[in-house]
Amino acid sequence: MDKVRATAAEAVADIPAGATLAVGGFGLSGVPNVLIQALYDAGPDGLGVVSNNCGVDGGGLGILLAAGRIVRVTGSYVGENKEFARQYLGGELEVELVPQGTLAERLRAGGAGIPAFFTPAGVGTQVADGGLPWRYGPDGSVAVPSPAKETRVFDGQEHVMEHGIRTDFALVRAWKGDRHGNLVFRRSARNFNPLAAMAGRVTVAEVEELVEPGELDPDAVHVPGVYVQRVVELTPEQAADKGIERRTISASSTRGTVRS
């Protein structure tokens, strides 16, 4: 089955208002920016997003956030986005903060058909006991606190139950993909992308290089095509457009040059 769509706009055209999305990426690495921009242009709002972080100001999921399109975020790190902090503390955004490893496993479990699992991460904290502020009120009070979770002892150690995550759609970015939806990720872009791809009921992948079926080494495939419903080939310019979250330069002690 040829899963290639002609444009990113076509690939996300049926994502409705109120949809839930699993989105790959970590910081600015492996973020499906082209699909996010297409979704922004399409205009759905009321979105629930599951992602490690919610982009940065003016980049990644940050463009949907700044436009008021996102109403709920499930993630593990939000420290690079001032608009995110403003909306959260102002009661405009509901946020479920999850330990990073737990978030990864919740996405994997959802994609594998596992409804819930137990983990020691979060035991003895508000992650397990409840009370984390999911949403603040206009006066700064906690309007929606997180609920307490079931705990159970295994081998003498207490564990907390976490639910697998399934979303309506998933948006991911891959290094290579074929027309059947098999995906290969490169280096640090192989972060939350495979997990997000598994969690979506309809997964859309933007790929930097599109190859024909049979060209990918089966042993190198990170996400098999059974998890992917749509593939969008990026232009060379889109594939090369990769942001740098923090630029660090240092003077060379040998040549006196500047590296970036």
C-alpha atoms as a PDB file:
ATOM      1  CA  MET A   1       0.000   0.000   0.000  1.00  0.00           C
ATOM      2  CA  ASP A   2       1.375   3.397  -1.023  1.00  0.00           C
ATOM      3  CA  LYS A   3       0.927   5.674   2.005  1.00  0.00           C
ATOM      4  CA  VAL A   4       2.576   8.774   0.528  1.00  0.00           C
ATOM      5  CA  ARG A   5       0.572  12.000   0.539  1.00  0.00           C
ATOM      6  CA  ALA A   6       1.380  14.780  -1.884  1.00  0.00           C
ATOM      7  CA  THR A   7       1.554  17.538   0.722  1.00  0.00           C
ATOM      8  CA  ALA A   8       1.660  18.010   4.456  1.00  0.00           C
ATOM      9  CA  ALA A   9      -1.606  19.941   4.202  1.00  0.00           C
ATOM     10  CA  GLU A  10      -3.315  16.913   2.676  1.00  0.00           C
ATOM     11  CA  ALA A  11      -1.845  14.624   5.336  1.00  0.00           C
ATOM     12  CA  VAL A  12      -3.308  16.606   8.263  1.00  0.00           C
ATOM     13  CA  ALA A  13      -6.482  17.891   6.606  1.00  0.00           C
ATOM     14  CA  ASP A  14      -8.820  15.614   8.572  1.00  0.00           C
ATOM     15  CA  ILE A  15      -7.414  16.373  12.043  1.00  0.00           C
ATOM     16  CA  PRO A  16     -10.435  17.958  13.741  1.00  0.00           C
ATOM     17  CA  ALA A  17     -10.829  20.424  16.551  1.00  0.00           C
ATOM     18  CA  GLY A  18     -10.508  18.681  19.898  1.00  0.00           C
ATOM     19  CA  ALA A  19      -8.237  15.921  18.599  1.00  0.00           C
ATOM     20  CA  THR A  20      -5.473  14.403  20.710  1.00  0.00           C
ATOM     21  CA  LEU A  21      -1.960  14.266  19.243  1.00  0.00           C
ATOM     22  CA  ALA A  22       1.234  12.424  20.132  1.00  0.00           C
ATOM     23  CA  VAL A  23       4.117  14.474  18.759  1.00  0.00           C
ATOM     24  CA  GLY A  24       7.728  13.362  18.436  1.00  0.00           C
ATOM     25  CA  GLY A  25      10.806  15.410  19.189  1.00  0.00           C
ATOM     26  CA  PHE A  26      13.032  16.412  22.075  1.00  0.00           C
ATOM     27  CA  GLY A  27      13.856  20.089  22.322  1.00  0.00           C
ATOM     28  CA  LEU A  28      14.325  21.018  18.651  1.00  0.00           C
ATOM     29  CA  SER A  29      15.660  17.612  17.603  1.00  0.00           C
ATOM     30  CA  GLY A  30      13.394  15.421  15.514  1.00  0.00           C
ATOM     31  CA  VAL A  31      10.423  17.788  15.649  1.00  0.00           C
ATOM     32  CA  PRO A  32       7.881  17.380  12.794  1.00  0.00           C
ATOM     33  CA  ASN A  33       7.921  21.094  12.033  1.00  0.00           C
ATOM     34  CA  VAL A  34       6.404  20.837   8.556  1.00  0.00           C
ATOM     35  CA  LEU A  35       3.405  18.869   9.785  1.00  0.00           C
ATOM     36  CA  ILE A  36       2.969  21.218  12.743  1.00  0.00           C
ATOM     37  CA  GLN A  37       2.986  24.226  10.406  1.00  0.00           C
ATOM     38  CA  ALA A  38       0.447  22.531   8.150  1.00  0.00           C
ATOM     39  CA  LEU A  39      -1.769  21.852  11.154  1.00  0.00           C
ATOM     40  CA  TYR A  40      -1.438  25.484  12.206  1.00  0.00           C
ATOM     41  CA  ASP A  41      -2.486  26.579   8.714  1.00  0.00           C
ATOM     42  CA  ALA A  42      -5.446  24.169   8.787  1.00  0.00           C
ATOM     43  CA  GLY A  43      -6.763  25.840  11.929  1.00  0.00           C
ATOM     44  CA  PRO A  44      -8.133  23.189  14.332  1.00  0.00           C
ATOM     45  CA  ASP A  45      -8.203  24.233  17.975  1.00  0.00           C
ATOM     46  CA  GLY A  46      -8.953  22.634  21.328  1.00  0.00           C
ATOM     47  CA  LEU A  47      -6.071  20.196  20.806  1.00  0.00           C
ATOM     48  CA  GLY A  48      -4.683  17.864  23.446  1.00  0.00           C
ATOM     49  CA  VAL A  49      -0.970  17.223  22.966  1.00  0.00           C
ATOM     50  CA  VAL A  50       1.271  14.482  24.327  1.00  0.00           C
ATOM     51  CA  SER A  51       4.937  15.308  23.806  1.00  0.00           C
ATOM     52  CA  ASN A  52       8.143  15.438  25.814  1.00  0.00           C
ATOM     53  CA  ASN A  53       7.990  19.228  25.651  1.00  0.00           C
ATOM     54  CA  CYS A  54       5.763  21.815  23.999  1.00  0.00           C
ATOM     55  CA  GLY A  55       8.303  23.391  21.696  1.00  0.00           C
ATOM     56  CA  VAL A  56       9.914  26.777  22.204  1.00  0.00           C
ATOM     57  CA  ASP A  57       8.618  30.291  21.745  1.00  0.00           C
ATOM     58  CA  GLY A  58       7.974  30.607  18.021  1.00  0.00           C
ATOM     59  CA  GLY A  59       9.064  27.061  17.141  1.00  0.00           C
ATOM     60  CA  GLY A  60       7.667  23.530  17.028  1.00  0.00           C
ATOM     61  CA  LEU A  61       4.502  23.091  19.037  1.00  0.00           C
ATOM     62  CA  GLY A  62       5.108  26.600  20.348  1.00  0.00           C
ATOM     63  CA  ILE A  63       3.388  28.070  17.278  1.00  0.00           C
ATOM     64  CA  LEU A  64       0.179  26.153  18.034  1.00  0.00           C
ATOM     65  CA  LEU A  65       0.430  27.076  21.694  1.00  0.00           C
ATOM     66  CA  ALA A  66       0.894  30.796  21.004  1.00  0.00           C
ATOM     67  CA  ALA A  67      -2.160  30.727  18.750  1.00  0.00           C
ATOM     68  CA  GLY A  68      -4.299  29.301  21.562  1.00  0.00           C
ATOM     69  CA  ARG A  69      -4.899  26.037  19.706  1.00  0.00           C
ATOM     70  CA  ILE A  70      -3.705  23.741  22.527  1.00  0.00           C
ATOM     71  CA  VAL A  71      -5.840  23.278  25.642  1.00  0.00           C
ATOM     72  CA  ARG A  72      -4.060  20.374  27.326  1.00  0.00           C
ATOM     73  CA  VAL A  73      -0.468  19.131  27.413  1.00  0.00           C
ATOM     74  CA  THR A  74       0.912  15.870  28.760  1.00  0.00           C
ATOM     75  CA  GLY A  75       4.694  16.177  28.916  1.00  0.00           C
ATOM     76  CA  SER A  76       7.792  15.995  31.045  1.00  0.00           C
ATOM     77  CA  TYR A  77       9.719  19.211  30.364  1.00  0.00           C
ATOM     78  CA  VAL A  78       8.438  22.723  29.757  1.00  0.00           C
ATOM     79  CA  GLY A  79      11.359  24.944  30.699  1.00  0.00           C
ATOM     80  CA  GLU A  80      12.148  26.548  27.309  1.00  0.00           C
ATOM     81  CA  ASN A  81       8.804  28.177  26.587  1.00  0.00           C
ATOM     82  CA  LYS A  82       7.806  31.411  28.318  1.00  0.00           C
ATOM     83  CA  GLU A  83       4.383  31.463  26.665  1.00  0.00           C
ATOM     84  CA  PHE A  84       3.748  27.975  28.004  1.00  0.00           C
ATOM     85  CA  ALA A  85       4.554  29.153  31.529  1.00  0.00           C
ATOM     86  CA  ARG A  86       2.320  32.196  31.122  1.00  0.00           C
ATOM     87  CA  GLN A  87      -0.678  30.171  29.922  1.00  0.00           C
ATOM     88  CA  TYR A  88      -0.205  27.474  32.558  1.00  0.00           C
ATOM     89  CA  LEU A  89       0.188  29.821  35.512  1.00  0.00           C
ATOM     90  CA  GLY A  90      -2.664  31.987  34.193  1.00  0.00           C
ATOM     91  CA  GLY A  91      -5.111  29.089  34.135  1.00  0.00           C
ATOM     92  CA  GLU A  92      -5.420  29.000  30.339  1.00  0.00           C
ATOM     93  CA  LEU A  93      -3.757  25.619  29.868  1.00  0.00           C
ATOM     94  CA  GLU A  94      -4.133  22.243  31.544  1.00  0.00           C
ATOM     95  CA  VAL A  95      -0.811  20.469  32.078  1.00  0.00           C
ATOM     96  CA  GLU A  96      -0.086  16.920  33.206  1.00  0.00           C
ATOM     97  CA  LEU A  97       3.589  16.644  34.096  1.00  0.00           C
ATOM     98  CA  VAL A  98       4.922  13.079  33.908  1.00  0.00           C
ATOM     99  CA  PRO A  99       8.375  11.674  34.746  1.00  0.00           C
ATOM    100  CA  GLN A 100      10.216  11.397  31.441  1.00  0.00           C
ATOM    101  CA  GLY A 101      10.799   7.649  31.513  1.00  0.00           C
ATOM    102  CA  THR A 102       7.200   7.082  32.566  1.00  0.00           C
ATOM    103  CA  LEU A 103       5.962   9.202  29.660  1.00  0.00           C
ATOM    104  CA  ALA A 104       8.057   7.183  27.225  1.00  0.00           C
ATOM    105  CA  GLU A 105       6.701   3.912  28.604  1.00  0.00           C
ATOM    106  CA  ARG A 106       3.105   5.180  28.615  1.00  0.00           C
ATOM    107  CA  LEU A 107       3.392   5.913  24.878  1.00  0.00           C
ATOM    108  CA  ARG A 108       5.072   2.573  24.164  1.00  0.00           C
ATOM    109  CA  ALA A 109       2.518   0.701  26.246  1.00  0.00           C
ATOM    110  CA  GLY A 110      -0.375   2.375  24.469  1.00  0.00           C
ATOM    111  CA  GLY A 111       1.040   1.416  21.098  1.00  0.00           C
ATOM    112  CA  ALA A 112       1.635  -2.158  22.251  1.00  0.00           C
ATOM    113  CA  GLY A 113      -1.933  -2.534  23.501  1.00  0.00           C
ATOM    114  CA  ILE A 114      -0.990  -2.508  27.190  1.00  0.00           C
ATOM    115  CA  PRO A 115      -3.634  -0.546  29.126  1.00  0.00           C
ATOM    116  CA  ALA A 116      -1.578   0.055  32.274  1.00  0.00           C
ATOM    117  CA  PHE A 117       1.636  -0.885  34.065  1.00  0.00           C
ATOM    118  CA  PHE A 118       3.352  -0.404  37.425  1.00  0.00           C
ATOM    119  CA  THR A 119       6.547   1.577  37.981  1.00  0.00           C
ATOM    120  CA  PRO A 120       8.473   2.759  41.078  1.00  0.00           C
ATOM    121  CA  ALA A 121       8.979   6.209  39.514  1.00  0.00           C
ATOM    122  CA  GLY A 122       6.966   8.809  41.426  1.00  0.00           C
ATOM    123  CA  VAL A 123       6.219   6.741  44.515  1.00  0.00           C
ATOM    124  CA  GLY A 124       6.106   8.938  47.612  1.00  0.00           C
ATOM    125  CA  THR A 125       5.537  12.115  45.607  1.00  0.00           C
ATOM    126  CA  GLN A 126       2.515  13.982  44.278  1.00  0.00           C
ATOM    127  CA  VAL A 127       2.877  11.966  41.081  1.00  0.00           C
ATOM    128  CA  ALA A 128       1.430   9.036  43.042  1.00  0.00           C
ATOM    129  CA  ASP A 129      -0.347  10.804  45.899  1.00  0.00           C
ATOM    130  CA  GLY A 130      -2.126  13.393  43.760  1.00  0.00           C
ATOM    131  CA  GLY A 131      -2.352  17.120  44.188  1.00  0.00           C
ATOM    132  CA  LEU A 132      -0.153  18.279  41.327  1.00  0.00           C
ATOM    133  CA  PRO A 133      -1.764  21.362  39.736  1.00  0.00           C
ATOM    134  CA  TRP A 134      -3.129  20.312  36.362  1.00  0.00           C
ATOM    135  CA  ARG A 135      -4.864  23.661  35.969  1.00  0.00           C
ATOM    136  CA  TYR A 136      -4.709  26.886  37.960  1.00  0.00           C
ATOM    137  CA  GLY A 137      -7.610  29.212  38.572  1.00  0.00           C
ATOM    138  CA  PRO A 138      -7.520  32.914  37.635  1.00  0.00           C
ATOM    139  CA  ASP A 139      -6.701  33.752  41.266  1.00  0.00           C
ATOM    140  CA  GLY A 140      -3.710  31.401  41.343  1.00  0.00           C
ATOM    141  CA  SER A 141      -5.441  28.634  43.261  1.00  0.00           C
ATOM    142  CA  VAL A 142      -5.338  25.037  42.040  1.00  0.00           C
ATOM    143  CA  ALA A 143      -8.535  24.557  40.063  1.00  0.00           C
ATOM    144  CA  VAL A 144      -7.842  20.993  38.861  1.00  0.00           C
ATOM    145  CA  PRO A 145      -5.435  18.854  40.916  1.00  0.00           C
ATOM    146  CA  SER A 146      -4.063  15.530  39.741  1.00  0.00           C
ATOM    147  CA  PRO A 147      -5.834  12.509  41.217  1.00  0.00           C
ATOM    148  CA  ALA A 148      -4.200   9.936  43.464  1.00  0.00           C
ATOM    149  CA  LYS A 149      -3.067   6.786  41.673  1.00  0.00           C
ATOM    150  CA  GLU A 150      -3.296   3.157  42.627  1.00  0.00           C
ATOM    151  CA  THR A 151      -0.150   1.741  44.203  1.00  0.00           C
ATOM    152  CA  ARG A 152       0.877  -1.851  44.784  1.00  0.00           C
ATOM    153  CA  VAL A 153       3.850  -3.623  46.337  1.00  0.00           C
ATOM    154  CA  PHE A 154       5.969  -5.960  44.222  1.00  0.00           C
ATOM    155  CA  ASP A 155       8.980  -7.756  45.711  1.00  0.00           C
ATOM    156  CA  GLY A 156       8.801  -5.524  48.753  1.00  0.00           C
ATOM    157  CA  GLN A 157       8.872  -2.270  46.769  1.00  0.00           C
ATOM    158  CA  GLU A 158       5.946   0.054  46.216  1.00  0.00           C
ATOM    159  CA  HIS A 159       4.937   0.858  42.633  1.00  0.00           C
ATOM    160  CA  VAL A 160       2.440   3.265  41.116  1.00  0.00           C
ATOM    161  CA  MET A 161       0.069   2.358  38.305  1.00  0.00           C
ATOM    162  CA  GLU A 162       0.328   4.387  35.090  1.00  0.00           C
ATOM    163  CA  HIS A 163      -1.976   4.168  32.086  1.00  0.00           C
ATOM    164  CA  GLY A 164      -0.841   3.601  28.528  1.00  0.00           C
ATOM    165  CA  ILE A 165      -1.461   6.490  26.140  1.00  0.00           C
ATOM    166  CA  ARG A 166      -3.347   6.307  22.860  1.00  0.00           C
ATOM    167  CA  THR A 167      -4.050   9.426  20.816  1.00  0.00           C
ATOM    168  CA  ASP A 168      -6.242  10.159  17.823  1.00  0.00           C
ATOM    169  CA  PHE A 169      -3.251  11.151  15.674  1.00  0.00           C
ATOM    170  CA  ALA A 170       0.542  11.172  15.871  1.00  0.00           C
ATOM    171  CA  LEU A 171       2.974  13.494  14.094  1.00  0.00           C
ATOM    172  CA  VAL A 172       6.592  12.358  13.747  1.00  0.00           C
ATOM    173  CA  ARG A 173       9.741  13.144  11.764  1.00  0.00           C
ATOM    174  CA  ALA A 174      12.017  10.439  10.356  1.00  0.00           C
ATOM    175  CA  TRP A 175      15.333  10.411   8.516  1.00  0.00           C
ATOM    176  CA  LYS A 176      14.211   7.848   5.947  1.00  0.00           C
ATOM    177  CA  GLY A 177      10.908   6.218   5.130  1.00  0.00           C
ATOM    178  CA  ASP A 178       9.461   4.121   2.360  1.00  0.00           C
ATOM    179  CA  ARG A 179       6.078   4.147   0.669  1.00  0.00           C
ATOM    180  CA  HIS A 180       4.813   1.435   3.009  1.00  0.00           C
ATOM    181  CA  GLY A 181       5.469   3.600   6.072  1.00  0.00           C
ATOM    182  CA  ASN A 182       8.577   1.878   7.422  1.00  0.00           C
ATOM    183  CA  LEU A 183      10.663   4.492   9.241  1.00  0.00           C
ATOM    184  CA  VAL A 184      14.304   4.973  10.210  1.00  0.00           C
ATOM    185  CA  PHE A 185      15.408   7.702  12.635  1.00  0.00           C
ATOM    186  CA  ARG A 186      18.909   9.178  12.865  1.00  0.00           C
ATOM    187  CA  ARG A 187      20.900   9.824  16.005  1.00  0.00           C
ATOM    188  CA  SER A 188      19.242  12.147  18.544  1.00  0.00           C
ATOM    189  CA  ALA A 189      16.092  12.440  16.425  1.00  0.00           C
ATOM    190  CA  ARG A 190      15.405   8.890  17.540  1.00  0.00           C
ATOM    191  CA  ASN A 191      13.992  10.251  20.778  1.00  0.00           C
ATOM    192  CA  PHE A 192      10.246  10.224  21.352  1.00  0.00           C
ATOM    193  CA  ASN A 193       9.476   9.761  17.657  1.00  0.00           C
ATOM    194  CA  PRO A 194       9.213   5.936  17.591  1.00  0.00           C
ATOM    195  CA  LEU A 195       7.085   5.980  20.745  1.00  0.00           C
ATOM    196  CA  ALA A 196       4.775   8.707  19.453  1.00  0.00           C
ATOM    197  CA  ALA A 197       4.408   6.835  16.166  1.00  0.00           C
ATOM    198  CA  MET A 198       3.237   3.749  18.022  1.00  0.00           C
ATOM    199  CA  ALA A 199       0.729   5.636  20.163  1.00  0.00           C
ATOM    200  CA  GLY A 200      -1.274   7.311  17.399  1.00  0.00           C
ATOM    201  CA  ARG A 201      -4.331   5.655  15.898  1.00  0.00           C
ATOM    202  CA  VAL A 202      -3.471   7.536  12.710  1.00  0.00           C
ATOM    203  CA  THR A 203       0.235   8.296  12.408  1.00  0.00           C
ATOM    204  CA  VAL A 204       1.600  10.844   9.950  1.00  0.00           C
ATOM    205  CA  ALA A 205       5.350  10.892   9.272  1.00  0.00           C
ATOM    206  CA  GLU A 206       7.381  13.544   7.511  1.00  0.00           C
ATOM    207  CA  VAL A 207      10.549  11.986   6.091  1.00  0.00           C
ATOM    208  CA  GLU A 208      13.753  13.638   4.978  1.00  0.00           C
ATOM    209  CA  GLU A 209      14.349  10.972   2.350  1.00  0.00           C
ATOM    210  CA  LEU A 210      11.697   8.812   0.692  1.00  0.00           C
ATOM    211  CA  VAL A 211      12.843   5.457  -0.682  1.00  0.00           C
ATOM    212  CA  GLU A 212      11.091   2.634  -2.468  1.00  0.00           C
ATOM    213  CA  PRO A 213       9.893  -0.496  -0.637  1.00  0.00           C
ATOM    214  CA  GLY A 214      12.733  -2.965  -0.220  1.00  0.00           C
ATOM    215  CA  GLU A 215      15.489  -0.342  -0.096  1.00  0.00           C
ATOM    216  CA  LEU A 216      15.561  -0.149   3.695  1.00  0.00           C
ATOM    217  CA  ASP A 217      17.478  -2.843   5.542  1.00  0.00           C
ATOM    218  CA  PRO A 218      14.780  -4.599   7.604  1.00  0.00           C
ATOM    219  CA  ASP A 219      17.185  -4.780  10.546  1.00  0.00           C
ATOM    220  CA  ALA A 220      17.534  -0.979  10.453  1.00  0.00           C
ATOM    221  CA  VAL A 221      13.818  -0.170  10.586  1.00  0.00           C
ATOM    222  CA  HIS A 222      12.857   1.466  13.889  1.00  0.00           C
ATOM    223  CA  VAL A 223       9.100   1.695  13.292  1.00  0.00           C
ATOM    224  CA  PRO A 224       7.398  -0.799  10.958  1.00  0.00           C
ATOM    225  CA  GLY A 225       4.810   0.465   8.514  1.00  0.00           C
ATOM    226  CA  VAL A 226       1.959  -1.195  10.397  1.00  0.00           C
ATOM    227  CA  TYR A 227       2.077   1.775  12.788  1.00  0.00           C
ATOM    228  CA  VAL A 228       2.149   4.454  10.061  1.00  0.00           C
ATOM    229  CA  GLN A 229      -0.773   5.491   7.883  1.00  0.00           C
ATOM    230  CA  ARG A 230       0.583   8.530   6.000  1.00  0.00           C
ATOM    231  CA  VAL A 231       3.998   9.620   4.759  1.00  0.00           C
ATOM    232  CA  VAL A 232       5.036  13.070   3.520  1.00  0.00           C
ATOM    233  CA  GLU A 233       8.323  13.582   1.666  1.00  0.00           C
ATOM    234  CA  LEU A 234      10.128  16.776   2.633  1.00  0.00           C
ATOM    235  CA  THR A 235      11.836  19.028   0.133  1.00  0.00           C
ATOM    236  CA  PRO A 236      15.640  19.327   0.454  1.00  0.00           C
ATOM    237  CA  GLU A 237      15.134  22.797   1.944  1.00  0.00           C
ATOM    238  CA  GLN A 238      12.634  21.508   4.520  1.00  0.00           C
ATOM    239  CA  ALA A 239      14.887  18.574   5.413  1.00  0.00           C
ATOM    240  CA  ALA A 240      17.858  20.895   5.970  1.00  0.00           C
ATOM    241  CA  ASP A 241      15.922  23.413   8.073  1.00  0.00           C
ATOM    242  CA  LYS A 242      16.866  22.338  11.599  1.00  0.00           C
ATOM    243  CA  GLY A 243      16.951  24.731  14.517  1.00  0.00           C
ATOM    244  CA  ILE A 244      19.593  24.959  17.221  1.00  0.00           C
ATOM    245  CA  GLU A 245      18.101  25.280  20.676  1.00  0.00           C
ATOM    246  CA  ARG A 246      21.233  26.590  22.393  1.00  0.00           C
ATOM    247  CA  ARG A 247      24.213  27.809  20.372  1.00  0.00           C
ATOM    248  CA  THR A 248      27.542  27.543  22.171  1.00  0.00           C
ATOM    249  CA  ILE A 249      30.781  28.919  20.753  1.00  0.00           C
ATOM    250  CA  SER A 250      34.318  28.580  22.042  1.00  0.00           C
ATOM    251  CA  ALA A 251      37.670  29.906  20.907  1.00  0.00           C
ATOM    252  CA  SER A 252      40.127  27.353  19.554  1.00  0.00           C
ATOM    253  CA  SER A 253      43.354  27.184  21.512  1.00  0.00           C
ATOM    254  CA  THR A 254      45.300  26.002  18.455  1.00  0.00           C
ATOM    255  CA  ARG A 255      44.100  28.118  15.552  1.00  0.00           C
ATOM    256  CA  GLY A 256      42.319  31.002  17.167  1.00  0.00           C
ATOM    257  CA  THR A 257      39.117  30.267  15.243  1.00  0.00           C
ATOM    258  CA  VAL A 258      35.552  30.212  16.487  1.00  0.00           C
ATOM    259  CA  ARG A 259      33.514  27.034  16.376  1.00  0.00           C
ATOM    260  CA  SER A 260      29.747  26.777  16.460  1.00  0.00           C
END
